[in-house]
PDB file of N, CA and C in Angstrom:
ATOM      1  N   MET A   1      21.902 -39.385 165.914  1.00  0.00           N
ATOM      2  CA  MET A   1      20.662 -40.126 165.942  1.00  0.00           C
ATOM      3  C   MET A   1      19.741 -39.545 164.861  1.00  0.00           C
ATOM      4  N   ASN A   2      19.109 -40.420 164.071  1.00  0.00           N
ATOM      5  CA  ASN A   2      18.236 -39.900 163.025  1.00  0.00           C
ATOM      6  C   ASN A   2      16.858 -39.540 163.573  1.00  0.00           C
ATOM      7  N   ALA A   3      16.042 -38.958 162.735  1.00  0.00           N
ATOM      8  CA  ALA A   3      14.750 -38.402 163.156  1.00  0.00           C
ATOM      9  C   ALA A   3      13.833 -39.454 163.770  1.00  0.00           C
ATOM     10  N   PHE A   4      13.805 -40.664 163.206  1.00  0.00           N
ATOM     11  CA  PHE A   4      12.939 -41.716 163.737  1.00  0.00           C
ATOM     12  C   PHE A   4      13.271 -42.022 165.192  1.00  0.00           C
ATOM     13  N   TYR A   5      14.534 -42.214 165.481  1.00  0.00           N
ATOM     14  CA  TYR A   5      14.938 -42.587 166.833  1.00  0.00           C
ATOM     15  C   TYR A   5      14.817 -41.408 167.812  1.00  0.00           C
ATOM     16  N   GLU A   6      14.984 -40.206 167.316  1.00  0.00           N
ATOM     17  CA  GLU A   6      14.744 -39.041 168.171  1.00  0.00           C
ATOM     18  C   GLU A   6      13.278 -38.976 168.569  1.00  0.00           C
ATOM     19  N   ARG A   7      12.403 -39.221 167.626  1.00  0.00           N
ATOM     20  CA  ARG A   7      10.967 -39.204 167.914  1.00  0.00           C
ATOM     21  C   ARG A   7      10.570 -40.364 168.830  1.00  0.00           C
ATOM     22  N   LEU A   8      11.148 -41.521 168.600  1.00  0.00           N
ATOM     23  CA  LEU A   8      10.868 -42.677 169.446  1.00  0.00           C
ATOM     24  C   LEU A   8      11.319 -42.416 170.879  1.00  0.00           C
ATOM     25  N   SER A   9      12.466 -41.794 171.023  1.00  0.00           N
ATOM     26  CA  SER A   9      12.976 -41.423 172.344  1.00  0.00           C
ATOM     27  C   SER A   9      12.054 -40.404 173.012  1.00  0.00           C
ATOM     28  N   HIS A  10      11.574 -39.438 172.249  1.00  0.00           N
ATOM     29  CA  HIS A  10      10.646 -38.428 172.771  1.00  0.00           C
ATOM     30  C   HIS A  10       9.350 -39.101 173.246  1.00  0.00           C
ATOM     31  N   PHE A  11       8.852 -40.070 172.472  1.00  0.00           N
ATOM     32  CA  PHE A  11       7.653 -40.817 172.854  1.00  0.00           C
ATOM     33  C   PHE A  11       7.877 -41.523 174.188  1.00  0.00           C
ATOM     34  N   GLY A  12       9.022 -42.151 174.355  1.00  0.00           N
ATOM     35  CA  GLY A  12       9.347 -42.820 175.611  1.00  0.00           C
ATOM     36  C   GLY A  12       9.380 -41.860 176.792  1.00  0.00           C
ATOM     37  N   GLU A  13       9.929 -40.673 176.573  1.00  0.00           N
ATOM     38  CA  GLU A  13       9.957 -39.656 177.629  1.00  0.00           C
ATOM     39  C   GLU A  13       8.547 -39.221 178.009  1.00  0.00           C
ATOM     40  N   LEU A  14       7.692 -39.022 177.001  1.00  0.00           N
ATOM     41  CA  LEU A  14       6.306 -38.625 177.283  1.00  0.00           C
ATOM     42  C   LEU A  14       5.568 -39.703 178.065  1.00  0.00           C
ATOM     43  N   ILE A  15       5.752 -40.954 177.684  1.00  0.00           N
ATOM     44  CA  ILE A  15       5.112 -42.065 178.398  1.00  0.00           C
ATOM     45  C   ILE A  15       5.603 -42.107 179.841  1.00  0.00           C
ATOM     46  N   GLY A  16       6.895 -41.920 180.038  1.00  0.00           N
ATOM     47  CA  GLY A  16       7.456 -41.890 181.396  1.00  0.00           C
ATOM     48  C   GLY A  16       6.882 -40.758 182.221  1.00  0.00           C
ATOM     49  N   ASN A  17       6.749 -39.580 181.634  1.00  0.00           N
ATOM     50  CA  ASN A  17       6.188 -38.429 182.348  1.00  0.00           C
ATOM     51  C   ASN A  17       4.728 -38.660 182.734  1.00  0.00           C
ATOM     52  N   VAL A  18       3.937 -39.172 181.799  1.00  0.00           N
ATOM     53  CA  VAL A  18       2.523 -39.436 182.084  1.00  0.00           C
ATOM     54  C   VAL A  18       2.393 -40.520 183.154  1.00  0.00           C
ATOM     55  N   SER A  19       3.209 -41.552 183.063  1.00  0.00           N
ATOM     56  CA  SER A  19       3.171 -42.622 184.069  1.00  0.00           C
ATOM     57  C   SER A  19       3.478 -42.067 185.458  1.00  0.00           C
ATOM     58  N   GLN A  20       4.444 -41.188 185.529  1.00  0.00           N
ATOM     59  CA  GLN A  20       4.818 -40.595 186.814  1.00  0.00           C
ATOM     60  C   GLN A  20       3.714 -39.681 187.343  1.00  0.00           C
ATOM     61  N   GLN A  21       3.116 -38.882 186.476  1.00  0.00           N
ATOM     62  CA  GLN A  21       2.056 -37.967 186.890  1.00  0.00           C
ATOM     63  C   GLN A  21       0.815 -38.720 187.374  1.00  0.00           C
ATOM     64  N   GLU A  22       0.459 -39.779 186.673  1.00  0.00           N
ATOM     65  CA  GLU A  22      -0.752 -40.526 187.014  1.00  0.00           C
ATOM     66  C   GLU A  22      -0.491 -41.652 188.008  1.00  0.00           C
ATOM     67  N   GLU A  23       0.774 -41.861 188.350  1.00  0.00           N
ATOM     68  CA  GLU A  23       1.186 -42.928 189.259  1.00  0.00           C
ATOM     69  C   GLU A  23       0.655 -44.284 188.793  1.00  0.00           C
ATOM     70  N   LYS A  24       0.750 -44.491 187.479  1.00  0.00           N
ATOM     71  CA  LYS A  24       0.324 -45.739 186.856  1.00  0.00           C
ATOM     72  C   LYS A  24       1.307 -46.052 185.743  1.00  0.00           C
ATOM     73  N   ASP A  25       1.745 -47.303 185.651  1.00  0.00           N
ATOM     74  CA  ASP A  25       2.711 -47.679 184.622  1.00  0.00           C
ATOM     75  C   ASP A  25       2.005 -47.839 183.281  1.00  0.00           C
ATOM     76  N   ILE A  26       1.914 -46.759 182.537  1.00  0.00           N
ATOM     77  CA  ILE A  26       1.233 -46.744 181.239  1.00  0.00           C
ATOM     78  C   ILE A  26       1.929 -47.695 180.258  1.00  0.00           C
ATOM     79  N   ALA A  27       3.234 -47.806 180.338  1.00  0.00           N
ATOM     80  CA  ALA A  27       4.001 -48.619 179.385  1.00  0.00           C
ATOM     81  C   ALA A  27       3.678 -50.110 179.497  1.00  0.00           C
ATOM     82  N   SER A  28       3.095 -50.540 180.599  1.00  0.00           N
ATOM     83  CA  SER A  28       2.779 -51.964 180.751  1.00  0.00           C
ATOM     84  C   SER A  28       1.546 -52.369 179.948  1.00  0.00           C
ATOM     85  N   TYR A  29       0.843 -51.419 179.366  1.00  0.00           N
ATOM     86  CA  TYR A  29      -0.369 -51.704 178.610  1.00  0.00           C
ATOM     87  C   TYR A  29      -0.143 -51.895 177.114  1.00  0.00           C
ATOM     88  N   PHE A  30       1.068 -51.666 176.631  1.00  0.00           N
ATOM     89  CA  PHE A  30       1.302 -51.775 175.186  1.00  0.00           C
ATOM     90  C   PHE A  30       2.749 -52.136 174.891  1.00  0.00           C
ATOM     91  N   THR A  31       2.968 -52.569 173.662  1.00  0.00           N
ATOM     92  CA  THR A  31       4.324 -52.787 173.160  1.00  0.00           C
ATOM     93  C   THR A  31       4.478 -51.989 171.870  1.00  0.00           C
ATOM     94  N   VAL A  32       5.685 -51.566 171.614  1.00  0.00           N
ATOM     95  CA  VAL A  32       6.013 -50.831 170.395  1.00  0.00           C
ATOM     96  C   VAL A  32       6.718 -51.801 169.463  1.00  0.00           C
ATOM     97  N   GLN A  33       6.203 -51.912 168.246  1.00  0.00           N
ATOM     98  CA  GLN A  33       6.814 -52.797 167.266  1.00  0.00           C
ATOM     99  C   GLN A  33       7.644 -51.973 166.294  1.00  0.00           C
ATOM    100  N   HIS A  34       8.928 -52.235 166.316  1.00  0.00           N
ATOM    101  CA  HIS A  34       9.856 -51.566 165.409  1.00  0.00           C
ATOM    102  C   HIS A  34       9.569 -52.038 163.988  1.00  0.00           C
ATOM    103  N   PRO A  35       9.711 -51.175 163.004  1.00  0.00           N
ATOM    104  CA  PRO A  35       9.534 -51.621 161.610  1.00  0.00           C
ATOM    105  C   PRO A  35      10.438 -52.814 161.308  1.00  0.00           C
ATOM    106  N   GLY A  36      10.025 -53.629 160.374  1.00  0.00           N
ATOM    107  CA  GLY A  36      10.764 -54.847 160.046  1.00  0.00           C
ATOM    108  C   GLY A  36      12.009 -54.612 159.224  1.00  0.00           C
ATOM    109  N   PHE A  37      12.504 -53.403 159.216  1.00  0.00           N
ATOM    110  CA  PHE A  37      13.707 -53.067 158.452  1.00  0.00           C
ATOM    111  C   PHE A  37      14.475 -52.004 159.223  1.00  0.00           C
ATOM    112  N   PRO A  38      15.776 -51.908 158.999  1.00  0.00           N
ATOM    113  CA  PRO A  38      16.552 -50.865 159.688  1.00  0.00           C
ATOM    114  C   PRO A  38      16.121 -49.466 159.245  1.00  0.00           C
ATOM    115  N   VAL A  39      15.951 -48.589 160.179  1.00  0.00           N
ATOM    116  CA  VAL A  39      15.578 -47.213 159.865  1.00  0.00           C
ATOM    117  C   VAL A  39      16.862 -46.393 159.876  1.00  0.00           C
ATOM    118  N   VAL A  40      17.426 -46.199 158.701  1.00  0.00           N
ATOM    119  CA  VAL A  40      18.709 -45.504 158.610  1.00  0.00           C
ATOM    120  C   VAL A  40      18.593 -44.143 157.958  1.00  0.00           C
ATOM    121  N   SER A  41      17.499 -43.909 157.255  1.00  0.00           N
ATOM    122  CA  SER A  41      17.334 -42.606 156.619  1.00  0.00           C
ATOM    123  C   SER A  41      16.610 -41.660 157.571  1.00  0.00           C
ATOM    124  N   SER A  42      16.595 -40.416 157.239  1.00  0.00           N
ATOM    125  CA  SER A  42      15.924 -39.428 158.084  1.00  0.00           C
ATOM    126  C   SER A  42      14.506 -39.172 157.595  1.00  0.00           C
ATOM    127  N   THR A  43      13.855 -40.220 157.112  1.00  0.00           N
ATOM    128  CA  THR A  43      12.504 -40.078 156.566  1.00  0.00           C
ATOM    129  C   THR A  43      11.519 -39.638 157.644  1.00  0.00           C
ATOM    130  N   GLN A  44      10.506 -38.913 157.244  1.00  0.00           N
ATOM    131  CA  GLN A  44       9.525 -38.373 158.176  1.00  0.00           C
ATOM    132  C   GLN A  44       8.317 -39.293 158.334  1.00  0.00           C
ATOM    133  N   SER A  45       8.141 -40.282 157.481  1.00  0.00           N
ATOM    134  CA  SER A  45       6.881 -41.008 157.424  1.00  0.00           C
ATOM    135  C   SER A  45       6.827 -42.305 158.221  1.00  0.00           C
ATOM    136  N   ILE A  46       7.915 -42.783 158.759  1.00  0.00           N
ATOM    137  CA  ILE A  46       7.915 -44.059 159.463  1.00  0.00           C
ATOM    138  C   ILE A  46       7.445 -43.856 160.905  1.00  0.00           C
ATOM    139  N   VAL A  47       6.405 -44.615 161.271  1.00  0.00           N
ATOM    140  CA  VAL A  47       5.865 -44.568 162.625  1.00  0.00           C
ATOM    141  C   VAL A  47       5.776 -46.008 163.119  1.00  0.00           C
ATOM    142  N   PRO A  48       6.251 -46.304 164.330  1.00  0.00           N
ATOM    143  CA  PRO A  48       6.156 -47.669 164.825  1.00  0.00           C
ATOM    144  C   PRO A  48       4.703 -48.056 165.102  1.00  0.00           C
ATOM    145  N   LYS A  49       4.443 -49.342 165.112  1.00  0.00           N
ATOM    146  CA  LYS A  49       3.101 -49.853 165.373  1.00  0.00           C
ATOM    147  C   LYS A  49       2.969 -50.138 166.868  1.00  0.00           C
ATOM    148  N   LEU A  50       1.790 -49.858 167.413  1.00  0.00           N
ATOM    149  CA  LEU A  50       1.502 -50.150 168.814  1.00  0.00           C
ATOM    150  C   LEU A  50       0.601 -51.371 168.894  1.00  0.00           C
ATOM    151  N   THR A  51       0.883 -52.254 169.849  1.00  0.00           N
ATOM    152  CA  THR A  51       0.017 -53.391 170.136  1.00  0.00           C
ATOM    153  C   THR A  51      -0.386 -53.274 171.596  1.00  0.00           C
ATOM    154  N   PHE A  52      -1.690 -53.154 171.831  1.00  0.00           N
ATOM    155  CA  PHE A  52      -2.193 -52.975 173.188  1.00  0.00           C
ATOM    156  C   PHE A  52      -2.572 -54.321 173.809  1.00  0.00           C
ATOM    157  N   MET A  53      -2.410 -54.424 175.122  1.00  0.00           N
ATOM    158  CA  MET A  53      -2.826 -55.607 175.862  1.00  0.00           C
ATOM    159  C   MET A  53      -4.354 -55.646 175.900  1.00  0.00           C
ATOM    160  N   GLN A  54      -4.926 -56.821 176.065  1.00  0.00           N
ATOM    161  CA  GLN A  54      -6.381 -56.959 176.065  1.00  0.00           C
ATOM    162  C   GLN A  54      -7.043 -56.190 177.207  1.00  0.00           C
ATOM    163  N   ASN A  55      -6.378 -56.093 178.338  1.00  0.00           N
ATOM    164  CA  ASN A  55      -6.974 -55.428 179.504  1.00  0.00           C
ATOM    165  C   ASN A  55      -6.712 -53.926 179.543  1.00  0.00           C
ATOM    166  N   CYS A  56      -6.249 -53.360 178.446  1.00  0.00           N
ATOM    167  CA  CYS A  56      -5.913 -51.932 178.400  1.00  0.00           C
ATOM    168  C   CYS A  56      -7.193 -51.095 178.355  1.00  0.00           C
ATOM    169  N   PRO A  57      -7.366 -50.180 179.313  1.00  0.00           N
ATOM    170  CA  PRO A  57      -8.541 -49.310 179.291  1.00  0.00           C
ATOM    171  C   PRO A  57      -8.541 -48.394 178.063  1.00  0.00           C
ATOM    172  N   ALA A  58      -9.738 -48.068 177.596  1.00  0.00           N
ATOM    173  CA  ALA A  58      -9.876 -47.226 176.394  1.00  0.00           C
ATOM    174  C   ALA A  58      -9.219 -45.869 176.585  1.00  0.00           C
ATOM    175  N   GLU A  59      -9.293 -45.295 177.780  1.00  0.00           N
ATOM    176  CA  GLU A  59      -8.690 -43.983 178.023  1.00  0.00           C
ATOM    177  C   GLU A  59      -7.174 -44.042 177.884  1.00  0.00           C
ATOM    178  N   VAL A  60      -6.566 -45.155 178.280  1.00  0.00           N
ATOM    179  CA  VAL A  60      -5.115 -45.315 178.148  1.00  0.00           C
ATOM    180  C   VAL A  60      -4.748 -45.451 176.669  1.00  0.00           C
ATOM    181  N   ARG A  61      -5.522 -46.238 175.924  1.00  0.00           N
ATOM    182  CA  ARG A  61      -5.264 -46.384 174.479  1.00  0.00           C
ATOM    183  C   ARG A  61      -5.306 -45.021 173.787  1.00  0.00           C
ATOM    184  N   LYS A  62      -6.314 -44.247 174.106  1.00  0.00           N
ATOM    185  CA  LYS A  62      -6.468 -42.933 173.489  1.00  0.00           C
ATOM    186  C   LYS A  62      -5.289 -42.031 173.827  1.00  0.00           C
ATOM    187  N   LYS A  63      -4.881 -42.049 175.091  1.00  0.00           N
ATOM    188  CA  LYS A  63      -3.769 -41.205 175.529  1.00  0.00           C
ATOM    189  C   LYS A  63      -2.458 -41.613 174.857  1.00  0.00           C
ATOM    190  N   VAL A  64      -2.213 -42.927 174.790  1.00  0.00           N
ATOM    191  CA  VAL A  64      -0.971 -43.427 174.190  1.00  0.00           C
ATOM    192  C   VAL A  64      -0.938 -43.097 172.699  1.00  0.00           C
ATOM    193  N   ARG A  65      -2.050 -43.278 172.007  1.00  0.00           N
ATOM    194  CA  ARG A  65      -2.090 -42.937 170.582  1.00  0.00           C
ATOM    195  C   ARG A  65      -1.851 -41.440 170.370  1.00  0.00           C
ATOM    196  N   TYR A  66      -2.421 -40.620 171.245  1.00  0.00           N
ATOM    197  CA  TYR A  66      -2.205 -39.179 171.167  1.00  0.00           C
ATOM    198  C   TYR A  66      -0.717 -38.855 171.343  1.00  0.00           C
ATOM    199  N   LEU A  67      -0.080 -39.477 172.322  1.00  0.00           N
ATOM    200  CA  LEU A  67       1.335 -39.214 172.586  1.00  0.00           C
ATOM    201  C   LEU A  67       2.212 -39.689 171.423  1.00  0.00           C
ATOM    202  N   LEU A  68       1.843 -40.831 170.822  1.00  0.00           N
ATOM    203  CA  LEU A  68       2.599 -41.311 169.664  1.00  0.00           C
ATOM    204  C   LEU A  68       2.458 -40.325 168.509  1.00  0.00           C
ATOM    205  N   LYS A  69       1.227 -39.873 168.276  1.00  0.00           N
ATOM    206  CA  LYS A  69       0.997 -38.909 167.197  1.00  0.00           C
ATOM    207  C   LYS A  69       1.748 -37.610 167.470  1.00  0.00           C
ATOM    208  N   LYS A  70       1.717 -37.178 168.713  1.00  0.00           N
ATOM    209  CA  LYS A  70       2.422 -35.954 169.088  1.00  0.00           C
ATOM    210  C   LYS A  70       3.932 -36.101 168.859  1.00  0.00           C
ATOM    211  N   SER A  71       4.472 -37.240 169.200  1.00  0.00           N
ATOM    212  CA  SER A  71       5.912 -37.473 169.056  1.00  0.00           C
ATOM    213  C   SER A  71       6.351 -37.576 167.603  1.00  0.00           C
ATOM    214  N   PHE A  72       5.525 -38.200 166.760  1.00  0.00           N
ATOM    215  CA  PHE A  72       5.919 -38.444 165.382  1.00  0.00           C
ATOM    216  C   PHE A  72       5.355 -37.422 164.404  1.00  0.00           C
ATOM    217  N   ASN A  73       4.617 -36.441 164.901  1.00  0.00           N
ATOM    218  CA  ASN A  73       4.109 -35.373 164.057  1.00  0.00           C
ATOM    219  C   ASN A  73       5.278 -34.477 163.645  1.00  0.00           C
ATOM    220  N   ARG A  74       5.251 -33.997 162.431  1.00  0.00           N
ATOM    221  CA  ARG A  74       6.356 -33.146 161.944  1.00  0.00           C
ATOM    222  C   ARG A  74       6.464 -31.845 162.725  1.00  0.00           C
ATOM    223  N   ILE A  75       5.327 -31.304 163.137  1.00  0.00           N
ATOM    224  CA  ILE A  75       5.332 -30.078 163.919  1.00  0.00           C
ATOM    225  C   ILE A  75       4.954 -30.441 165.341  1.00  0.00           C
ATOM    226  N   ARG A  76       5.944 -30.843 166.121  1.00  0.00           N
ATOM    227  CA  ARG A  76       5.725 -31.398 167.445  1.00  0.00           C
ATOM    228  C   ARG A  76       5.018 -30.437 168.389  1.00  0.00           C
ATOM    229  N   ASN A  77       5.363 -29.172 168.344  1.00  0.00           N
ATOM    230  CA  ASN A  77       4.834 -28.215 169.305  1.00  0.00           C
ATOM    231  C   ASN A  77       3.404 -27.787 169.006  1.00  0.00           C
ATOM    232  N   LYS A  78       2.945 -28.055 167.797  1.00  0.00           N
ATOM    233  CA  LYS A  78       1.596 -27.618 167.410  1.00  0.00           C
ATOM    234  C   LYS A  78       0.495 -28.470 168.040  1.00  0.00           C
ATOM    235  N   VAL A  79       0.756 -29.744 168.256  1.00  0.00           N
ATOM    236  CA  VAL A  79      -0.264 -30.670 168.779  1.00  0.00           C
ATOM    237  C   VAL A  79      -0.480 -30.455 170.238  1.00  0.00           C
TER     238      VAL A  79
END
């Protein structure tokens, strides 16, 4: 698995953990848009786009963006 998909998988795990801790389905508030091209290289710069639902609370948006940044940051443990 290349770096993009490893990071995407890590993001999914973080969302699942937060949803379980808060007893709220965080994933129902947004969709992840895959880039419009196959990600086959191990490039560090590709990050998927998030689209939030209209009824998504601001605190959830902030948390999800933080988790995405944490997952796709080159130094994962630093954030």
